[in-house]
Amino acid sequence: MKRIVAPLSLLACAAMLGACSEPATPTTEASAAPSVTPTTVSLPRQSSTADARVYFVSPADGATLSNPVKLEFGLDGMQVAPAGDATPGTGHHHLLIDTPELPNMNQPLPANDKLIHFGGGQTEIELELAPGTHRLQLVLGDALHIPHQPPVVSEPITITVE
């Protein structure tokens, strides 16, 4: 099986494309700063398989746990591959923590404290979560962290950390 690795500069170029697509607005000393409406560019999305399903192997929905919290992810109908591997039928996990809405499915998923990337192809993690109730959800991303078409998204689960 041949692996195709997309250069990271492709992602940077796509992000900059939106900034370059609006014409400059001339200003004068008396005018206020120009009003620029950001342009959202939809990037090409890799196809998912009809039977693709991502889910939590553990913990179970409604579980009460203590730190460190161990999460294990499952994937059916596709294969796990690291970021940068554009082999059809593959992707890698992204974990949404306490995020009530899904991010933009036409853009690379942002990495932050509420959206953790598993670009190395990892299928589990131990992490520290603040005591309380947490909503967790998985999204499968392609080589460039863009959700597949159609998106492969788990049912959200809720856990309580003591």
N, C-alpha and C. Protein backbone atom coordinates (compact mmCIF):
# COMPACT_ATOMS: atom_id res chain seq x y z
N MET A 1 0.85 -1.17 0.00
CA MET A 1 0.00 0.00 0.00
C MET A 1 0.90 1.23 0.00
N LYS A 2 0.71 2.13 -0.92
CA LYS A 2 1.52 3.34 -1.04
C LYS A 2 0.99 4.41 -0.10
N ARG A 3 1.90 5.07 0.61
CA ARG A 3 1.53 6.16 1.49
C ARG A 3 1.81 7.48 0.80
N ILE A 4 0.88 8.39 0.90
CA ILE A 4 1.05 9.72 0.35
C ILE A 4 1.07 10.68 1.51
N VAL A 5 2.12 11.45 1.62
CA VAL A 5 2.24 12.40 2.72
C VAL A 5 2.08 13.79 2.16
N ALA A 6 1.09 14.52 2.66
CA ALA A 6 0.83 15.88 2.20
C ALA A 6 1.71 16.84 3.00
N PRO A 7 2.38 17.76 2.35
CA PRO A 7 3.23 18.70 3.08
C PRO A 7 2.38 19.63 3.95
N LEU A 8 2.93 20.00 5.10
CA LEU A 8 2.20 20.90 5.99
C LEU A 8 1.98 22.26 5.37
N SER A 9 2.82 22.63 4.40
CA SER A 9 2.65 23.94 3.78
C SER A 9 1.32 24.03 3.03
N LEU A 10 0.76 22.91 2.61
CA LEU A 10 -0.55 22.90 1.96
C LEU A 10 -1.60 23.46 2.90
N LEU A 11 -1.53 23.06 4.16
CA LEU A 11 -2.47 23.54 5.16
C LEU A 11 -2.32 25.04 5.37
N ALA A 12 -1.07 25.50 5.45
CA ALA A 12 -0.84 26.93 5.63
C ALA A 12 -1.34 27.72 4.44
N CYS A 13 -1.13 27.22 3.22
CA CYS A 13 -1.60 27.90 2.02
C CYS A 13 -3.11 27.98 2.00
N ALA A 14 -3.77 26.92 2.40
CA ALA A 14 -5.24 26.92 2.40
C ALA A 14 -5.77 27.93 3.41
N ALA A 15 -5.11 28.02 4.57
CA ALA A 15 -5.55 28.98 5.58
C ALA A 15 -5.36 30.40 5.09
N MET A 16 -4.28 30.64 4.37
CA MET A 16 -4.00 31.98 3.87
C MET A 16 -4.89 32.35 2.68
N LEU A 17 -5.40 31.36 1.98
CA LEU A 17 -6.23 31.62 0.82
C LEU A 17 -7.41 32.52 1.16
N GLY A 18 -8.03 32.28 2.31
CA GLY A 18 -9.16 33.11 2.73
C GLY A 18 -8.75 34.56 2.92
N ALA A 19 -7.56 34.80 3.47
CA ALA A 19 -7.09 36.16 3.69
C ALA A 19 -6.76 36.85 2.37
N CYS A 20 -6.38 36.09 1.37
CA CYS A 20 -5.98 36.67 0.08
C CYS A 20 -7.15 36.84 -0.88
N SER A 21 -8.30 36.33 -0.55
CA SER A 21 -9.41 36.33 -1.51
C SER A 21 -10.22 37.61 -1.49
N GLU A 22 -10.04 38.44 -0.47
CA GLU A 22 -10.79 39.70 -0.40
C GLU A 22 -9.95 40.83 -0.97
N PRO A 23 -10.49 41.67 -1.84
CA PRO A 23 -9.71 42.78 -2.36
C PRO A 23 -9.46 43.81 -1.26
N ALA A 24 -8.33 44.48 -1.36
CA ALA A 24 -8.00 45.51 -0.37
C ALA A 24 -8.95 46.68 -0.55
N THR A 25 -9.30 47.30 0.57
CA THR A 25 -10.18 48.46 0.54
C THR A 25 -9.33 49.69 0.81
N PRO A 26 -9.30 50.65 -0.12
CA PRO A 26 -8.49 51.84 0.13
C PRO A 26 -9.06 52.63 1.29
N THR A 27 -8.16 53.26 2.06
CA THR A 27 -8.60 54.07 3.19
C THR A 27 -7.99 55.46 3.07
N THR A 28 -8.62 56.40 3.71
CA THR A 28 -8.08 57.75 3.80
C THR A 28 -7.92 58.08 5.26
N GLU A 29 -7.27 59.17 5.57
CA GLU A 29 -7.08 59.53 6.97
C GLU A 29 -8.40 59.68 7.70
N ALA A 30 -9.42 60.15 7.01
CA ALA A 30 -10.70 60.41 7.64
C ALA A 30 -11.55 59.16 7.77
N SER A 31 -11.24 58.11 7.03
CA SER A 31 -12.09 56.93 7.08
C SER A 31 -11.67 56.00 8.20
N ALA A 32 -12.62 55.25 8.65
CA ALA A 32 -12.35 54.26 9.69
C ALA A 32 -11.68 53.05 9.07
N ALA A 33 -11.25 52.13 9.91
CA ALA A 33 -10.64 50.90 9.41
C ALA A 33 -11.63 50.19 8.50
N PRO A 34 -11.13 49.57 7.42
CA PRO A 34 -12.03 48.91 6.49
C PRO A 34 -12.72 47.72 7.15
N SER A 35 -13.93 47.48 6.73
CA SER A 35 -14.69 46.34 7.22
C SER A 35 -14.43 45.18 6.27
N VAL A 36 -13.81 44.14 6.77
CA VAL A 36 -13.48 42.98 5.95
C VAL A 36 -14.24 41.79 6.48
N THR A 37 -14.96 41.14 5.63
CA THR A 37 -15.68 39.93 6.01
C THR A 37 -14.79 38.75 5.68
N PRO A 38 -14.42 37.95 6.69
CA PRO A 38 -13.55 36.81 6.41
C PRO A 38 -14.23 35.84 5.46
N THR A 39 -13.44 35.26 4.59
CA THR A 39 -13.94 34.28 3.65
C THR A 39 -13.59 32.89 4.16
N THR A 40 -14.56 32.00 4.22
CA THR A 40 -14.30 30.64 4.62
C THR A 40 -14.14 29.80 3.37
N VAL A 41 -13.03 29.12 3.28
CA VAL A 41 -12.73 28.27 2.14
C VAL A 41 -12.98 26.84 2.57
N SER A 42 -13.79 26.11 1.83
CA SER A 42 -13.98 24.69 2.11
C SER A 42 -12.87 23.93 1.42
N LEU A 43 -12.19 23.10 2.19
CA LEU A 43 -11.09 22.31 1.65
C LEU A 43 -11.62 20.96 1.19
N PRO A 44 -10.92 20.31 0.27
CA PRO A 44 -11.36 18.98 -0.17
C PRO A 44 -11.40 18.02 1.01
N ARG A 45 -12.45 17.20 1.06
CA ARG A 45 -12.61 16.25 2.16
C ARG A 45 -12.51 14.83 1.64
N GLN A 46 -11.76 14.01 2.35
CA GLN A 46 -11.61 12.60 2.01
C GLN A 46 -12.92 11.87 2.33
N SER A 47 -13.28 10.93 1.51
CA SER A 47 -14.51 10.17 1.74
C SER A 47 -14.34 9.17 2.87
N SER A 48 -15.39 9.03 3.66
CA SER A 48 -15.42 7.97 4.67
C SER A 48 -16.15 6.77 4.04
N THR A 49 -16.02 5.62 4.68
CA THR A 49 -16.73 4.45 4.18
C THR A 49 -18.15 4.45 4.74
N ALA A 50 -19.04 3.75 4.06
CA ALA A 50 -20.46 3.75 4.45
C ALA A 50 -20.67 3.17 5.85
N ASP A 51 -19.80 2.24 6.26
CA ASP A 51 -19.98 1.59 7.56
C ASP A 51 -19.03 2.13 8.64
N ALA A 52 -18.39 3.26 8.39
CA ALA A 52 -17.44 3.82 9.35
C ALA A 52 -18.15 4.23 10.64
N ARG A 53 -17.49 3.91 11.76
CA ARG A 53 -18.06 4.25 13.07
C ARG A 53 -16.91 4.45 14.05
N VAL A 54 -16.91 5.58 14.75
CA VAL A 54 -15.94 5.86 15.79
C VAL A 54 -16.69 5.89 17.12
N TYR A 55 -16.05 5.39 18.18
CA TYR A 55 -16.76 5.25 19.45
C TYR A 55 -15.75 5.15 20.61
N PHE A 56 -16.26 5.28 21.83
CA PHE A 56 -15.45 5.08 23.03
C PHE A 56 -15.54 3.62 23.43
N VAL A 57 -14.40 2.95 23.50
CA VAL A 57 -14.35 1.59 24.03
C VAL A 57 -14.55 1.68 25.54
N SER A 58 -13.85 2.66 26.15
CA SER A 58 -14.02 2.95 27.57
C SER A 58 -13.61 4.39 27.81
N PRO A 59 -14.22 5.02 28.76
CA PRO A 59 -15.19 4.54 29.74
C PRO A 59 -16.60 4.48 29.12
N ALA A 60 -17.48 3.90 29.87
CA ALA A 60 -18.88 3.84 29.45
C ALA A 60 -19.56 5.18 29.73
N ASP A 61 -20.58 5.49 28.96
CA ASP A 61 -21.37 6.69 29.18
C ASP A 61 -21.94 6.65 30.60
N GLY A 62 -21.79 7.75 31.34
CA GLY A 62 -22.32 7.83 32.70
C GLY A 62 -21.35 7.37 33.77
N ALA A 63 -20.14 6.94 33.39
CA ALA A 63 -19.17 6.42 34.36
C ALA A 63 -18.69 7.52 35.31
N THR A 64 -18.38 7.11 36.54
CA THR A 64 -17.75 7.99 37.53
C THR A 64 -16.33 7.49 37.70
N LEU A 65 -15.35 8.40 37.50
CA LEU A 65 -13.95 8.02 37.47
C LEU A 65 -13.13 8.95 38.35
N SER A 66 -11.88 8.55 38.60
CA SER A 66 -10.93 9.44 39.27
C SER A 66 -9.74 9.64 38.34
N ASN A 67 -8.97 10.69 38.60
CA ASN A 67 -7.81 11.00 37.77
C ASN A 67 -6.65 10.05 38.07
N PRO A 68 -5.83 9.73 37.09
CA PRO A 68 -5.97 10.14 35.70
C PRO A 68 -7.07 9.33 35.02
N VAL A 69 -7.80 9.98 34.13
CA VAL A 69 -8.89 9.35 33.40
C VAL A 69 -8.31 8.66 32.17
N LYS A 70 -8.59 7.38 32.02
CA LYS A 70 -8.11 6.63 30.86
C LYS A 70 -9.25 6.51 29.85
N LEU A 71 -8.98 6.96 28.62
CA LEU A 71 -9.95 6.87 27.53
C LEU A 71 -9.38 5.95 26.46
N GLU A 72 -10.24 5.09 25.91
CA GLU A 72 -9.82 4.21 24.81
C GLU A 72 -10.82 4.39 23.67
N PHE A 73 -10.30 4.56 22.45
CA PHE A 73 -11.12 4.85 21.28
C PHE A 73 -11.19 3.64 20.36
N GLY A 74 -12.35 3.47 19.71
CA GLY A 74 -12.52 2.40 18.74
C GLY A 74 -12.93 2.96 17.38
N LEU A 75 -12.63 2.21 16.33
CA LEU A 75 -12.97 2.60 14.97
C LEU A 75 -13.31 1.36 14.18
N ASP A 76 -14.48 1.34 13.57
CA ASP A 76 -14.91 0.24 12.70
C ASP A 76 -15.10 0.78 11.29
N GLY A 77 -14.83 -0.04 10.30
CA GLY A 77 -15.10 0.31 8.91
C GLY A 77 -14.02 1.14 8.24
N MET A 78 -13.03 1.59 9.00
CA MET A 78 -11.88 2.33 8.48
C MET A 78 -10.68 1.94 9.33
N GLN A 79 -9.50 2.41 8.95
CA GLN A 79 -8.28 2.11 9.69
C GLN A 79 -7.69 3.39 10.27
N VAL A 80 -7.01 3.25 11.40
CA VAL A 80 -6.31 4.38 12.01
C VAL A 80 -4.97 4.56 11.31
N ALA A 81 -4.65 5.80 10.96
CA ALA A 81 -3.36 6.15 10.37
C ALA A 81 -2.95 7.50 10.92
N PRO A 82 -1.65 7.75 11.01
CA PRO A 82 -1.21 9.04 11.56
C PRO A 82 -1.52 10.21 10.62
N ALA A 83 -1.52 11.40 11.19
CA ALA A 83 -1.68 12.62 10.39
C ALA A 83 -0.61 12.62 9.31
N GLY A 84 -0.96 13.11 8.14
CA GLY A 84 -0.04 13.13 7.01
C GLY A 84 -0.19 11.93 6.10
N ASP A 85 -0.84 10.87 6.57
CA ASP A 85 -1.04 9.67 5.76
C ASP A 85 -2.41 9.79 5.08
N ALA A 86 -2.40 9.99 3.76
CA ALA A 86 -3.64 10.22 3.02
C ALA A 86 -4.19 8.96 2.37
N THR A 87 -3.82 7.79 2.87
CA THR A 87 -4.34 6.55 2.34
C THR A 87 -5.86 6.53 2.45
N PRO A 88 -6.57 6.25 1.36
CA PRO A 88 -8.03 6.20 1.44
C PRO A 88 -8.50 5.20 2.51
N GLY A 89 -9.60 5.55 3.19
CA GLY A 89 -10.16 4.67 4.20
C GLY A 89 -9.44 4.74 5.54
N THR A 90 -8.63 5.80 5.74
CA THR A 90 -7.91 5.95 7.00
C THR A 90 -8.18 7.32 7.61
N GLY A 91 -7.84 7.45 8.87
CA GLY A 91 -7.96 8.72 9.58
C GLY A 91 -7.40 8.57 10.98
N HIS A 92 -7.44 9.64 11.75
CA HIS A 92 -6.97 9.59 13.13
C HIS A 92 -7.96 10.33 14.03
N HIS A 93 -7.89 10.01 15.32
CA HIS A 93 -8.85 10.51 16.29
C HIS A 93 -8.60 11.95 16.72
N HIS A 94 -9.69 12.63 17.05
CA HIS A 94 -9.68 13.95 17.67
C HIS A 94 -10.71 13.90 18.80
N LEU A 95 -10.31 14.33 19.98
CA LEU A 95 -11.17 14.28 21.16
C LEU A 95 -11.69 15.66 21.51
N LEU A 96 -13.00 15.80 21.55
CA LEU A 96 -13.64 17.05 21.97
C LEU A 96 -14.00 16.92 23.44
N ILE A 97 -13.57 17.90 24.24
CA ILE A 97 -13.83 17.89 25.68
C ILE A 97 -14.71 19.09 26.01
N ASP A 98 -15.89 18.82 26.55
CA ASP A 98 -16.83 19.87 26.98
C ASP A 98 -17.13 20.85 25.86
N THR A 99 -17.31 20.33 24.67
CA THR A 99 -17.63 21.14 23.49
C THR A 99 -19.04 20.78 23.05
N PRO A 100 -20.01 21.68 23.30
CA PRO A 100 -21.40 21.34 23.00
C PRO A 100 -21.72 21.26 21.50
N GLU A 101 -20.93 21.94 20.67
CA GLU A 101 -21.19 21.92 19.23
C GLU A 101 -19.97 21.38 18.49
N LEU A 102 -20.23 20.73 17.37
CA LEU A 102 -19.13 20.25 16.54
C LEU A 102 -18.45 21.42 15.85
N PRO A 103 -17.14 21.33 15.64
CA PRO A 103 -16.44 22.39 14.92
C PRO A 103 -16.82 22.35 13.43
N ASN A 104 -16.35 23.33 12.67
CA ASN A 104 -16.59 23.40 11.23
C ASN A 104 -16.03 22.13 10.58
N MET A 105 -16.88 21.37 9.91
CA MET A 105 -16.48 20.12 9.30
C MET A 105 -15.77 20.30 7.96
N ASN A 106 -15.68 21.53 7.45
CA ASN A 106 -15.03 21.81 6.18
C ASN A 106 -13.62 22.36 6.34
N GLN A 107 -13.15 22.44 7.56
CA GLN A 107 -11.85 23.02 7.86
C GLN A 107 -11.04 22.05 8.73
N PRO A 108 -9.71 22.21 8.75
CA PRO A 108 -8.91 21.40 9.68
C PRO A 108 -9.37 21.67 11.11
N LEU A 109 -9.43 20.62 11.91
CA LEU A 109 -9.84 20.76 13.30
C LEU A 109 -8.75 21.50 14.07
N PRO A 110 -9.10 22.55 14.82
CA PRO A 110 -8.09 23.29 15.57
C PRO A 110 -7.60 22.48 16.77
N ALA A 111 -6.35 22.63 17.11
CA ALA A 111 -5.80 21.97 18.30
C ALA A 111 -5.81 22.97 19.45
N ASN A 112 -6.47 22.59 20.54
CA ASN A 112 -6.50 23.44 21.73
C ASN A 112 -6.84 22.56 22.93
N ASP A 113 -7.07 23.18 24.09
CA ASP A 113 -7.34 22.38 25.28
C ASP A 113 -8.71 21.70 25.27
N LYS A 114 -9.59 22.09 24.34
CA LYS A 114 -10.91 21.47 24.20
C LYS A 114 -10.99 20.50 23.02
N LEU A 115 -9.93 20.45 22.20
CA LEU A 115 -9.92 19.57 21.04
C LEU A 115 -8.50 19.01 20.90
N ILE A 116 -8.33 17.78 21.33
CA ILE A 116 -7.01 17.14 21.36
C ILE A 116 -6.83 16.27 20.12
N HIS A 117 -5.70 16.45 19.44
CA HIS A 117 -5.35 15.68 18.24
C HIS A 117 -4.56 14.44 18.62
N PHE A 118 -4.82 13.36 17.94
CA PHE A 118 -4.08 12.12 18.10
C PHE A 118 -3.43 11.79 16.77
N GLY A 119 -2.62 12.75 16.30
CA GLY A 119 -2.00 12.67 14.98
C GLY A 119 -0.98 11.57 14.81
N GLY A 120 -0.55 10.95 15.90
CA GLY A 120 0.37 9.83 15.80
C GLY A 120 -0.36 8.51 15.60
N GLY A 121 -1.68 8.57 15.53
CA GLY A 121 -2.47 7.34 15.36
C GLY A 121 -2.81 6.68 16.69
N GLN A 122 -2.67 7.41 17.81
CA GLN A 122 -2.96 6.85 19.12
C GLN A 122 -4.45 6.53 19.25
N THR A 123 -4.73 5.50 20.05
CA THR A 123 -6.12 5.09 20.27
C THR A 123 -6.50 5.12 21.75
N GLU A 124 -5.63 5.70 22.58
CA GLU A 124 -5.96 5.83 23.99
C GLU A 124 -5.14 6.95 24.61
N ILE A 125 -5.60 7.41 25.79
CA ILE A 125 -4.91 8.47 26.51
C ILE A 125 -5.29 8.39 27.98
N GLU A 126 -4.38 8.82 28.83
CA GLU A 126 -4.67 9.08 30.23
C GLU A 126 -4.51 10.57 30.41
N LEU A 127 -5.53 11.23 30.95
CA LEU A 127 -5.46 12.67 31.14
C LEU A 127 -6.09 13.08 32.45
N GLU A 128 -5.71 14.26 32.89
CA GLU A 128 -6.25 14.85 34.11
C GLU A 128 -7.40 15.77 33.71
N LEU A 129 -8.54 15.54 34.31
CA LEU A 129 -9.70 16.40 34.09
C LEU A 129 -10.14 16.97 35.43
N ALA A 130 -10.61 18.18 35.42
CA ALA A 130 -11.09 18.81 36.65
C ALA A 130 -12.25 18.00 37.21
N PRO A 131 -12.39 17.96 38.53
CA PRO A 131 -13.55 17.28 39.11
C PRO A 131 -14.85 17.87 38.55
N GLY A 132 -15.82 17.00 38.33
CA GLY A 132 -17.10 17.43 37.79
C GLY A 132 -17.53 16.59 36.61
N THR A 133 -18.56 17.05 35.94
CA THR A 133 -19.13 16.34 34.80
C THR A 133 -18.49 16.85 33.51
N HIS A 134 -18.17 15.93 32.61
CA HIS A 134 -17.54 16.27 31.33
C HIS A 134 -18.23 15.56 30.18
N ARG A 135 -18.38 16.30 29.08
CA ARG A 135 -18.94 15.75 27.85
C ARG A 135 -17.78 15.47 26.91
N LEU A 136 -17.70 14.23 26.39
CA LEU A 136 -16.62 13.81 25.50
C LEU A 136 -17.20 13.32 24.18
N GLN A 137 -16.51 13.62 23.09
CA GLN A 137 -16.95 13.18 21.77
C GLN A 137 -15.73 13.01 20.88
N LEU A 138 -15.80 12.09 19.93
CA LEU A 138 -14.70 11.84 19.00
C LEU A 138 -15.09 12.25 17.58
N VAL A 139 -14.10 12.76 16.84
CA VAL A 139 -14.26 13.07 15.42
C VAL A 139 -13.04 12.48 14.72
N LEU A 140 -13.28 11.74 13.64
CA LEU A 140 -12.17 11.21 12.86
C LEU A 140 -11.74 12.26 11.85
N GLY A 141 -10.44 12.47 11.73
CA GLY A 141 -9.91 13.44 10.78
C GLY A 141 -8.98 12.76 9.79
N ASP A 142 -8.83 13.37 8.62
CA ASP A 142 -7.96 12.81 7.57
C ASP A 142 -6.51 13.25 7.78
N ALA A 143 -5.69 13.09 6.77
CA ALA A 143 -4.26 13.41 6.85
C ALA A 143 -3.99 14.83 7.28
N LEU A 144 -4.91 15.77 6.94
CA LEU A 144 -4.74 17.18 7.28
C LEU A 144 -5.67 17.62 8.41
N HIS A 145 -6.19 16.68 9.19
CA HIS A 145 -7.08 16.95 10.33
C HIS A 145 -8.45 17.47 9.90
N ILE A 146 -8.84 17.24 8.67
CA ILE A 146 -10.15 17.65 8.18
C ILE A 146 -11.11 16.47 8.34
N PRO A 147 -12.29 16.67 8.92
CA PRO A 147 -13.25 15.57 9.02
C PRO A 147 -13.61 15.01 7.64
N HIS A 148 -13.89 13.72 7.60
CA HIS A 148 -14.24 13.05 6.35
C HIS A 148 -15.62 13.48 5.86
N GLN A 149 -15.95 13.05 4.65
CA GLN A 149 -17.26 13.31 4.06
C GLN A 149 -17.94 11.97 3.78
N PRO A 150 -19.03 11.61 4.40
CA PRO A 150 -19.62 12.32 5.54
C PRO A 150 -18.75 12.17 6.78
N PRO A 151 -18.92 13.09 7.75
CA PRO A 151 -18.09 13.04 8.96
C PRO A 151 -18.32 11.76 9.75
N VAL A 152 -17.24 11.29 10.36
CA VAL A 152 -17.31 10.12 11.24
C VAL A 152 -17.17 10.66 12.66
N VAL A 153 -18.30 10.70 13.38
CA VAL A 153 -18.39 11.34 14.69
C VAL A 153 -19.05 10.37 15.66
N SER A 154 -18.50 10.28 16.86
CA SER A 154 -19.09 9.39 17.86
C SER A 154 -20.31 10.04 18.50
N GLU A 155 -21.10 9.21 19.16
CA GLU A 155 -22.12 9.73 20.06
C GLU A 155 -21.38 10.34 21.24
N PRO A 156 -21.82 11.47 21.76
CA PRO A 156 -21.14 12.01 22.94
C PRO A 156 -21.40 11.14 24.16
N ILE A 157 -20.43 11.11 25.06
CA ILE A 157 -20.63 10.45 26.35
C ILE A 157 -20.41 11.49 27.44
N THR A 158 -20.98 11.22 28.61
CA THR A 158 -20.80 12.09 29.76
C THR A 158 -20.16 11.26 30.86
N ILE A 159 -19.10 11.81 31.46
CA ILE A 159 -18.45 11.14 32.58
C ILE A 159 -18.37 12.11 33.74
N THR A 160 -18.24 11.57 34.94
CA THR A 160 -18.05 12.40 36.13
C THR A 160 -16.70 12.05 36.72
N VAL A 161 -15.91 13.08 37.01
CA VAL A 161 -14.60 12.89 37.63
C VAL A 161 -14.72 13.33 39.09
N GLU A 162 -14.33 12.43 40.00
CA GLU A 162 -14.40 12.72 41.44
C GLU A 162 -13.18 13.48 41.90
